[in-house]
Amino acid sequence: MASLHSNLAPNGQCGCFESCRYLFATQGELGRTQFKAMTGLGERVATANLSALLNRGFVTTDSPYGSLRFAIPRHALRFYFPALWPEAE
């Protein structure tokens, strides 16, 4: 499985965060090609990072080639909302 930390940009940030912020802010969908282009990373690295985000549940899609949407995975609820749902695992 691809690691987001192994594909950091020179400034120490993963290029996927900008794409994820866009999906979160707009609550819309974004094509995979657009998502990868927004990262500013090479094709292979962007694809590996997108796969990692899909596997971890931070983005979701209805089909293997469909548009992407922002998602909140269950395992992240306790970090995003610690006081709201402390027992989330």
PDB file of N, CA and C in Angstrom:
ATOM      1  N   MET A   1       0.849  -1.172   0.000  1.00  0.00           N
ATOM      2  CA  MET A   1       0.000   0.000   0.000  1.00  0.00           C
ATOM      3  C   MET A   1       0.895   1.236   0.000  1.00  0.00           C
ATOM      4  N   ALA A   2       0.493   2.210  -0.770  1.00  0.00           N
ATOM      5  CA  ALA A   2       1.281   3.433  -0.872  1.00  0.00           C
ATOM      6  C   ALA A   2       1.198   4.233   0.420  1.00  0.00           C
ATOM      7  N   SER A   3       2.280   4.882   0.722  1.00  0.00           N
ATOM      8  CA  SER A   3       2.335   5.708   1.923  1.00  0.00           C
ATOM      9  C   SER A   3       2.316   7.177   1.524  1.00  0.00           C
ATOM     10  N   LEU A   4       1.440   7.934   2.149  1.00  0.00           N
ATOM     11  CA  LEU A   4       1.385   9.365   1.851  1.00  0.00           C
ATOM     12  C   LEU A   4       2.658  10.061   2.296  1.00  0.00           C
ATOM     13  N   HIS A   5       3.275   9.581   3.353  1.00  0.00           N
ATOM     14  CA  HIS A   5       4.472  10.231   3.887  1.00  0.00           C
ATOM     15  C   HIS A   5       5.698   9.996   3.010  1.00  0.00           C
ATOM     16  N   SER A   6       5.715   8.931   2.223  1.00  0.00           N
ATOM     17  CA  SER A   6       6.879   8.663   1.390  1.00  0.00           C
ATOM     18  C   SER A   6       6.847   9.480   0.101  1.00  0.00           C
ATOM     19  N   ASN A   7       5.755  10.167  -0.162  1.00  0.00           N
ATOM     20  CA  ASN A   7       5.607  10.924  -1.400  1.00  0.00           C
ATOM     21  C   ASN A   7       5.423  12.415  -1.139  1.00  0.00           C
ATOM     22  N   LEU A   8       6.165  12.943  -0.204  1.00  0.00           N
ATOM     23  CA  LEU A   8       6.032  14.349   0.140  1.00  0.00           C
ATOM     24  C   LEU A   8       6.709  15.231  -0.894  1.00  0.00           C
ATOM     25  N   ALA A   9       6.130  16.376  -1.103  1.00  0.00           N
ATOM     26  CA  ALA A   9       6.722  17.378  -1.986  1.00  0.00           C
ATOM     27  C   ALA A   9       7.954  17.967  -1.301  1.00  0.00           C
ATOM     28  N   PRO A  10       8.793  18.703  -2.038  1.00  0.00           N
ATOM     29  CA  PRO A  10       9.998  19.286  -1.436  1.00  0.00           C
ATOM     30  C   PRO A  10       9.722  20.168  -0.225  1.00  0.00           C
ATOM     31  N   ASN A  11       8.541  20.774  -0.154  1.00  0.00           N
ATOM     32  CA  ASN A  11       8.227  21.638   0.992  1.00  0.00           C
ATOM     33  C   ASN A  11       7.735  20.826   2.187  1.00  0.00           C
ATOM     34  N   GLY A  12       7.715  19.487   2.073  1.00  0.00           N
ATOM     35  CA  GLY A  12       7.329  18.632   3.182  1.00  0.00           C
ATOM     36  C   GLY A  12       5.852  18.326   3.253  1.00  0.00           C
ATOM     37  N   GLN A  13       5.084  18.750   2.239  1.00  0.00           N
ATOM     38  CA  GLN A  13       3.655  18.496   2.241  1.00  0.00           C
ATOM     39  C   GLN A  13       3.282  17.574   1.098  1.00  0.00           C
ATOM     40  N   CYS A  14       2.254  16.790   1.329  1.00  0.00           N
ATOM     41  CA  CYS A  14       1.700  15.938   0.288  1.00  0.00           C
ATOM     42  C   CYS A  14       0.832  16.807  -0.604  1.00  0.00           C
ATOM     43  N   GLY A  15       0.975  16.727  -1.896  1.00  0.00           N
ATOM     44  CA  GLY A  15       0.194  17.538  -2.811  1.00  0.00           C
ATOM     45  C   GLY A  15      -1.288  17.234  -2.785  1.00  0.00           C
ATOM     46  N   CYS A  16      -1.681  16.107  -2.219  1.00  0.00           N
ATOM     47  CA  CYS A  16      -3.090  15.715  -2.195  1.00  0.00           C
ATOM     48  C   CYS A  16      -3.918  16.548  -1.236  1.00  0.00           C
ATOM     49  N   PHE A  17      -3.294  17.210  -0.282  1.00  0.00           N
ATOM     50  CA  PHE A  17      -4.055  17.969   0.697  1.00  0.00           C
ATOM     51  C   PHE A  17      -4.819  19.118   0.050  1.00  0.00           C
ATOM     52  N   GLU A  18      -4.247  19.766  -0.930  1.00  0.00           N
ATOM     53  CA  GLU A  18      -4.944  20.857  -1.623  1.00  0.00           C
ATOM     54  C   GLU A  18      -6.175  20.324  -2.341  1.00  0.00           C
ATOM     55  N   SER A  19      -6.044  19.187  -2.984  1.00  0.00           N
ATOM     56  CA  SER A  19      -7.177  18.575  -3.669  1.00  0.00           C
ATOM     57  C   SER A  19      -8.268  18.179  -2.681  1.00  0.00           C
ATOM     58  N   CYS A  20      -7.875  17.625  -1.549  1.00  0.00           N
ATOM     59  CA  CYS A  20      -8.844  17.230  -0.520  1.00  0.00           C
ATOM     60  C   CYS A  20      -9.529  18.452   0.083  1.00  0.00           C
ATOM     61  N   ARG A  21      -8.775  19.519   0.301  1.00  0.00           N
ATOM     62  CA  ARG A  21      -9.378  20.751   0.817  1.00  0.00           C
ATOM     63  C   ARG A  21     -10.425  21.292  -0.154  1.00  0.00           C
ATOM     64  N   TYR A  22     -10.126  21.203  -1.442  1.00  0.00           N
ATOM     65  CA  TYR A  22     -11.082  21.655  -2.454  1.00  0.00           C
ATOM     66  C   TYR A  22     -12.366  20.830  -2.376  1.00  0.00           C
ATOM     67  N   LEU A  23     -12.231  19.501  -2.297  1.00  0.00           N
ATOM     68  CA  LEU A  23     -13.411  18.641  -2.213  1.00  0.00           C
ATOM     69  C   LEU A  23     -14.202  18.921  -0.941  1.00  0.00           C
ATOM     70  N   PHE A  24     -13.511  19.140   0.166  1.00  0.00           N
ATOM     71  CA  PHE A  24     -14.181  19.440   1.427  1.00  0.00           C
ATOM     72  C   PHE A  24     -14.925  20.769   1.352  1.00  0.00           C
ATOM     73  N   ALA A  25     -14.267  21.794   0.837  1.00  0.00           N
ATOM     74  CA  ALA A  25     -14.851  23.136   0.803  1.00  0.00           C
ATOM     75  C   ALA A  25     -16.049  23.223  -0.143  1.00  0.00           C
ATOM     76  N   THR A  26     -15.975  22.551  -1.269  1.00  0.00           N
ATOM     77  CA  THR A  26     -17.055  22.642  -2.251  1.00  0.00           C
ATOM     78  C   THR A  26     -18.130  21.589  -2.039  1.00  0.00           C
ATOM     79  N   GLN A  27     -17.808  20.533  -1.306  1.00  0.00           N
ATOM     80  CA  GLN A  27     -18.718  19.394  -1.134  1.00  0.00           C
ATOM     81  C   GLN A  27     -19.182  18.874  -2.490  1.00  0.00           C
ATOM     82  N   GLY A  28     -18.323  19.023  -3.480  1.00  0.00           N
ATOM     83  CA  GLY A  28     -18.644  18.576  -4.828  1.00  0.00           C
ATOM     84  C   GLY A  28     -17.831  17.357  -5.208  1.00  0.00           C
ATOM     85  N   GLU A  29     -17.798  17.105  -6.490  1.00  0.00           N
ATOM     86  CA  GLU A  29     -17.035  15.992  -7.033  1.00  0.00           C
ATOM     87  C   GLU A  29     -15.928  16.533  -7.920  1.00  0.00           C
ATOM     88  N   LEU A  30     -14.913  15.726  -8.081  1.00  0.00           N
ATOM     89  CA  LEU A  30     -13.762  16.105  -8.890  1.00  0.00           C
ATOM     90  C   LEU A  30     -13.307  14.872  -9.641  1.00  0.00           C
ATOM     91  N   GLY A  31     -13.068  15.026 -10.930  1.00  0.00           N
ATOM     92  CA  GLY A  31     -12.559  13.918 -11.726  1.00  0.00           C
ATOM     93  C   GLY A  31     -11.170  13.505 -11.256  1.00  0.00           C
ATOM     94  N   ARG A  32     -10.840  12.262 -11.477  1.00  0.00           N
ATOM     95  CA  ARG A  32      -9.533  11.756 -11.034  1.00  0.00           C
ATOM     96  C   ARG A  32      -8.379  12.504 -11.691  1.00  0.00           C
ATOM     97  N   THR A  33      -8.518  12.819 -12.952  1.00  0.00           N
ATOM     98  CA  THR A  33      -7.461  13.552 -13.658  1.00  0.00           C
ATOM     99  C   THR A  33      -7.283  14.938 -13.066  1.00  0.00           C
ATOM    100  N   GLN A  34      -8.392  15.610 -12.777  1.00  0.00           N
ATOM    101  CA  GLN A  34      -8.320  16.935 -12.154  1.00  0.00           C
ATOM    102  C   GLN A  34      -7.706  16.841 -10.765  1.00  0.00           C
ATOM    103  N   PHE A  35      -8.103  15.832  -9.997  1.00  0.00           N
ATOM    104  CA  PHE A  35      -7.576  15.649  -8.656  1.00  0.00           C
ATOM    105  C   PHE A  35      -6.055  15.491  -8.702  1.00  0.00           C
ATOM    106  N   LYS A  36      -5.583  14.626  -9.598  1.00  0.00           N
ATOM    107  CA  LYS A  36      -4.139  14.397  -9.715  1.00  0.00           C
ATOM    108  C   LYS A  36      -3.409  15.641 -10.195  1.00  0.00           C
ATOM    109  N   ALA A  37      -4.029  16.391 -11.104  1.00  0.00           N
ATOM    110  CA  ALA A  37      -3.397  17.613 -11.609  1.00  0.00           C
ATOM    111  C   ALA A  37      -3.259  18.651 -10.497  1.00  0.00           C
ATOM    112  N   MET A  38      -4.241  18.715  -9.611  1.00  0.00           N
ATOM    113  CA  MET A  38      -4.193  19.691  -8.513  1.00  0.00           C
ATOM    114  C   MET A  38      -3.074  19.390  -7.524  1.00  0.00           C
ATOM    115  N   THR A  39      -2.620  18.152  -7.477  1.00  0.00           N
ATOM    116  CA  THR A  39      -1.562  17.803  -6.530  1.00  0.00           C
ATOM    117  C   THR A  39      -0.223  18.396  -6.938  1.00  0.00           C
ATOM    118  N   GLY A  40      -0.015  18.588  -8.233  1.00  0.00           N
ATOM    119  CA  GLY A  40       1.264  19.087  -8.707  1.00  0.00           C
ATOM    120  C   GLY A  40       2.358  18.028  -8.695  1.00  0.00           C
ATOM    121  N   LEU A  41       1.955  16.776  -8.467  1.00  0.00           N
ATOM    122  CA  LEU A  41       2.913  15.675  -8.420  1.00  0.00           C
ATOM    123  C   LEU A  41       2.944  14.961  -9.764  1.00  0.00           C
ATOM    124  N   GLY A  42       3.946  14.134  -9.969  1.00  0.00           N
ATOM    125  CA  GLY A  42       4.020  13.318 -11.169  1.00  0.00           C
ATOM    126  C   GLY A  42       2.880  12.316 -11.203  1.00  0.00           C
ATOM    127  N   GLU A  43       2.606  11.778 -12.383  1.00  0.00           N
ATOM    128  CA  GLU A  43       1.477  10.870 -12.583  1.00  0.00           C
ATOM    129  C   GLU A  43       1.517   9.667 -11.641  1.00  0.00           C
ATOM    130  N   ARG A  44       2.645   9.008 -11.544  1.00  0.00           N
ATOM    131  CA  ARG A  44       2.739   7.803 -10.707  1.00  0.00           C
ATOM    132  C   ARG A  44       2.599   8.112  -9.221  1.00  0.00           C
ATOM    133  N   VAL A  45       3.221   9.176  -8.785  1.00  0.00           N
ATOM    134  CA  VAL A  45       3.145   9.550  -7.369  1.00  0.00           C
ATOM    135  C   VAL A  45       1.731  10.005  -7.032  1.00  0.00           C
ATOM    136  N   ALA A  46       1.117  10.789  -7.911  1.00  0.00           N
ATOM    137  CA  ALA A  46      -0.250  11.241  -7.682  1.00  0.00           C
ATOM    138  C   ALA A  46      -1.216  10.060  -7.645  1.00  0.00           C
ATOM    139  N   THR A  47      -1.017   9.087  -8.531  1.00  0.00           N
ATOM    140  CA  THR A  47      -1.866   7.892  -8.543  1.00  0.00           C
ATOM    141  C   THR A  47      -1.678   7.087  -7.272  1.00  0.00           C
ATOM    142  N   ALA A  48      -0.445   6.945  -6.816  1.00  0.00           N
ATOM    143  CA  ALA A  48      -0.174   6.207  -5.579  1.00  0.00           C
ATOM    144  C   ALA A  48      -0.814   6.900  -4.378  1.00  0.00           C
ATOM    145  N   ASN A  49      -0.718   8.219  -4.328  1.00  0.00           N
ATOM    146  CA  ASN A  49      -1.333   8.963  -3.227  1.00  0.00           C
ATOM    147  C   ASN A  49      -2.852   8.883  -3.280  1.00  0.00           C
ATOM    148  N   LEU A  50      -3.425   8.965  -4.466  1.00  0.00           N
ATOM    149  CA  LEU A  50      -4.868   8.841  -4.608  1.00  0.00           C
ATOM    150  C   LEU A  50      -5.331   7.457  -4.152  1.00  0.00           C
ATOM    151  N   SER A  51      -4.590   6.430  -4.513  1.00  0.00           N
ATOM    152  CA  SER A  51      -4.922   5.075  -4.068  1.00  0.00           C
ATOM    153  C   SER A  51      -4.882   4.963  -2.551  1.00  0.00           C
ATOM    154  N   ALA A  52      -3.880   5.581  -1.937  1.00  0.00           N
ATOM    155  CA  ALA A  52      -3.768   5.552  -0.476  1.00  0.00           C
ATOM    156  C   ALA A  52      -4.942   6.278   0.171  1.00  0.00           C
ATOM    157  N   LEU A  53      -5.342   7.414  -0.378  1.00  0.00           N
ATOM    158  CA  LEU A  53      -6.483   8.151   0.163  1.00  0.00           C
ATOM    159  C   LEU A  53      -7.781   7.360   0.016  1.00  0.00           C
ATOM    160  N   LEU A  54      -7.942   6.685  -1.109  1.00  0.00           N
ATOM    161  CA  LEU A  54      -9.122   5.839  -1.315  1.00  0.00           C
ATOM    162  C   LEU A  54      -9.127   4.661  -0.342  1.00  0.00           C
ATOM    163  N   ASN A  55      -7.978   4.018  -0.189  1.00  0.00           N
ATOM    164  CA  ASN A  55      -7.883   2.862   0.714  1.00  0.00           C
ATOM    165  C   ASN A  55      -8.144   3.246   2.162  1.00  0.00           C
ATOM    166  N   ARG A  56      -7.748   4.434   2.546  1.00  0.00           N
ATOM    167  CA  ARG A  56      -7.940   4.883   3.934  1.00  0.00           C
ATOM    168  C   ARG A  56      -9.300   5.550   4.147  1.00  0.00           C
ATOM    169  N   GLY A  57     -10.027   5.787   3.061  1.00  0.00           N
ATOM    170  CA  GLY A  57     -11.382   6.318   3.176  1.00  0.00           C
ATOM    171  C   GLY A  57     -11.496   7.827   3.240  1.00  0.00           C
ATOM    172  N   PHE A  58     -10.439   8.563   2.911  1.00  0.00           N
ATOM    173  CA  PHE A  58     -10.498  10.022   2.958  1.00  0.00           C
ATOM    174  C   PHE A  58     -11.160  10.622   1.729  1.00  0.00           C
ATOM    175  N   VAL A  59     -11.195   9.888   0.644  1.00  0.00           N
ATOM    176  CA  VAL A  59     -11.992  10.230  -0.536  1.00  0.00           C
ATOM    177  C   VAL A  59     -12.761   8.981  -0.930  1.00  0.00           C
ATOM    178  N   THR A  60     -13.868   9.173  -1.616  1.00  0.00           N
ATOM    179  CA  THR A  60     -14.694   8.040  -2.019  1.00  0.00           C
ATOM    180  C   THR A  60     -15.190   8.250  -3.438  1.00  0.00           C
ATOM    181  N   THR A  61     -15.663   7.170  -4.039  1.00  0.00           N
ATOM    182  CA  THR A  61     -16.177   7.194  -5.400  1.00  0.00           C
ATOM    183  C   THR A  61     -17.228   6.107  -5.540  1.00  0.00           C
ATOM    184  N   ASP A  62     -18.096   6.252  -6.530  1.00  0.00           N
ATOM    185  CA  ASP A  62     -19.130   5.257  -6.764  1.00  0.00           C
ATOM    186  C   ASP A  62     -18.686   4.147  -7.696  1.00  0.00           C
ATOM    187  N   SER A  63     -17.609   4.374  -8.436  1.00  0.00           N
ATOM    188  CA  SER A  63     -17.128   3.370  -9.379  1.00  0.00           C
ATOM    189  C   SER A  63     -15.611   3.462  -9.478  1.00  0.00           C
ATOM    190  N   PRO A  64     -14.973   2.432 -10.025  1.00  0.00           N
ATOM    191  CA  PRO A  64     -13.505   2.445 -10.114  1.00  0.00           C
ATOM    192  C   PRO A  64     -12.920   3.608 -10.918  1.00  0.00           C
ATOM    193  N   TYR A  65     -13.696   4.176 -11.810  1.00  0.00           N
ATOM    194  CA  TYR A  65     -13.204   5.297 -12.616  1.00  0.00           C
ATOM    195  C   TYR A  65     -14.031   6.560 -12.421  1.00  0.00           C
ATOM    196  N   GLY A  66     -14.888   6.560 -11.421  1.00  0.00           N
ATOM    197  CA  GLY A  66     -15.798   7.670 -11.198  1.00  0.00           C
ATOM    198  C   GLY A  66     -15.155   8.872 -10.528  1.00  0.00           C
ATOM    199  N   SER A  67     -15.939   9.926 -10.435  1.00  0.00           N
ATOM    200  CA  SER A  67     -15.498  11.154  -9.778  1.00  0.00           C
ATOM    201  C   SER A  67     -15.293  10.916  -8.285  1.00  0.00           C
ATOM    202  N   LEU A  68     -14.466  11.751  -7.685  1.00  0.00           N
ATOM    203  CA  LEU A  68     -14.103  11.619  -6.277  1.00  0.00           C
ATOM    204  C   LEU A  68     -14.862  12.619  -5.423  1.00  0.00           C
ATOM    205  N   ARG A  69     -15.175  12.204  -4.199  1.00  0.00           N
ATOM    206  CA  ARG A  69     -15.813  13.070  -3.206  1.00  0.00           C
ATOM    207  C   ARG A  69     -15.053  12.948  -1.899  1.00  0.00           C
ATOM    208  N   PHE A  70     -15.103  14.016  -1.114  1.00  0.00           N
ATOM    209  CA  PHE A  70     -14.496  14.007   0.212  1.00  0.00           C
ATOM    210  C   PHE A  70     -15.279  13.058   1.115  1.00  0.00           C
ATOM    211  N   ALA A  71     -14.572  12.351   1.983  1.00  0.00           N
ATOM    212  CA  ALA A  71     -15.216  11.431   2.919  1.00  0.00           C
ATOM    213  C   ALA A  71     -14.521  11.516   4.269  1.00  0.00           C
ATOM    214  N   ILE A  72     -15.249  11.159   5.294  1.00  0.00           N
ATOM    215  CA  ILE A  72     -14.668  11.084   6.632  1.00  0.00           C
ATOM    216  C   ILE A  72     -14.714   9.622   7.059  1.00  0.00           C
ATOM    217  N   PRO A  73     -13.572   8.961   7.113  1.00  0.00           N
ATOM    218  CA  PRO A  73     -13.566   7.556   7.498  1.00  0.00           C
ATOM    219  C   PRO A  73     -13.876   7.379   8.983  1.00  0.00           C
ATOM    220  N   ARG A  74     -14.476   6.276   9.308  1.00  0.00           N
ATOM    221  CA  ARG A  74     -14.865   6.023  10.690  1.00  0.00           C
ATOM    222  C   ARG A  74     -13.670   6.074  11.644  1.00  0.00           C
ATOM    223  N   HIS A  75     -12.532   5.552  11.204  1.00  0.00           N
ATOM    224  CA  HIS A  75     -11.356   5.531  12.089  1.00  0.00           C
ATOM    225  C   HIS A  75     -10.818   6.925  12.391  1.00  0.00           C
ATOM    226  N   ALA A  76     -11.234   7.930  11.637  1.00  0.00           N
ATOM    227  CA  ALA A  76     -10.756   9.298  11.860  1.00  0.00           C
ATOM    228  C   ALA A  76     -11.708  10.135  12.704  1.00  0.00           C
ATOM    229  N   LEU A  77     -12.889   9.623  12.998  1.00  0.00           N
ATOM    230  CA  LEU A  77     -13.871  10.408  13.741  1.00  0.00           C
ATOM    231  C   LEU A  77     -13.356  10.875  15.092  1.00  0.00           C
ATOM    232  N   ARG A  78     -12.641  10.027  15.802  1.00  0.00           N
ATOM    233  CA  ARG A  78     -12.169  10.433  17.129  1.00  0.00           C
ATOM    234  C   ARG A  78     -11.126  11.541  17.062  1.00  0.00           C
ATOM    235  N   PHE A  79     -10.441  11.693  15.916  1.00  0.00           N
ATOM    236  CA  PHE A  79      -9.472  12.778  15.745  1.00  0.00           C
ATOM    237  C   PHE A  79     -10.149  14.060  15.288  1.00  0.00           C
ATOM    238  N   TYR A  80     -11.141  13.926  14.397  1.00  0.00           N
ATOM    239  CA  TYR A  80     -11.851  15.093  13.889  1.00  0.00           C
ATOM    240  C   TYR A  80     -12.815  15.682  14.916  1.00  0.00           C
ATOM    241  N   PHE A  81     -13.482  14.805  15.670  1.00  0.00           N
ATOM    242  CA  PHE A  81     -14.513  15.230  16.615  1.00  0.00           C
ATOM    243  C   PHE A  81     -14.302  14.562  17.970  1.00  0.00           C
ATOM    244  N   PRO A  82     -13.231  14.886  18.697  1.00  0.00           N
ATOM    245  CA  PRO A  82     -12.910  14.174  19.937  1.00  0.00           C
ATOM    246  C   PRO A  82     -13.968  14.317  21.034  1.00  0.00           C
ATOM    247  N   ALA A  83     -14.597  15.453  21.163  1.00  0.00           N
ATOM    248  CA  ALA A  83     -15.591  15.641  22.219  1.00  0.00           C
ATOM    249  C   ALA A  83     -16.977  15.170  21.787  1.00  0.00           C
ATOM    250  N   LEU A  84     -17.213  15.138  20.496  1.00  0.00           N
ATOM    251  CA  LEU A  84     -18.523  14.776  19.983  1.00  0.00           C
ATOM    252  C   LEU A  84     -18.757  13.268  20.014  1.00  0.00           C
ATOM    253  N   TRP A  85     -17.728  12.509  19.671  1.00  0.00           N
ATOM    254  CA  TRP A  85     -17.882  11.065  19.577  1.00  0.00           C
ATOM    255  C   TRP A  85     -16.618  10.387  20.091  1.00  0.00           C
ATOM    256  N   PRO A  86     -16.376  10.444  21.407  1.00  0.00           N
ATOM    257  CA  PRO A  86     -15.107   9.943  21.958  1.00  0.00           C
ATOM    258  C   PRO A  86     -14.940   8.429  21.845  1.00  0.00           C
ATOM    259  N   GLU A  87     -16.022   7.662  21.744  1.00  0.00           N
ATOM    260  CA  GLU A  87     -15.890   6.211  21.683  1.00  0.00           C
ATOM    261  C   GLU A  87     -15.694   5.680  20.268  1.00  0.00           C
ATOM    262  N   ALA A  88     -15.643   6.542  19.261  1.00  0.00           N
ATOM    263  CA  ALA A  88     -15.465   6.081  17.871  1.00  0.00           C
ATOM    264  C   ALA A  88     -14.100   5.441  17.701  1.00  0.00           C
ATOM    265  N   GLU A  89     -14.091   4.327  17.102  1.00  0.00           N
ATOM    266  CA  GLU A  89     -12.834   3.615  16.842  1.00  0.00           C
ATOM    267  C   GLU A  89     -12.708   3.292  15.381  1.00  0.00           C
TER     268      GLU A  89
END
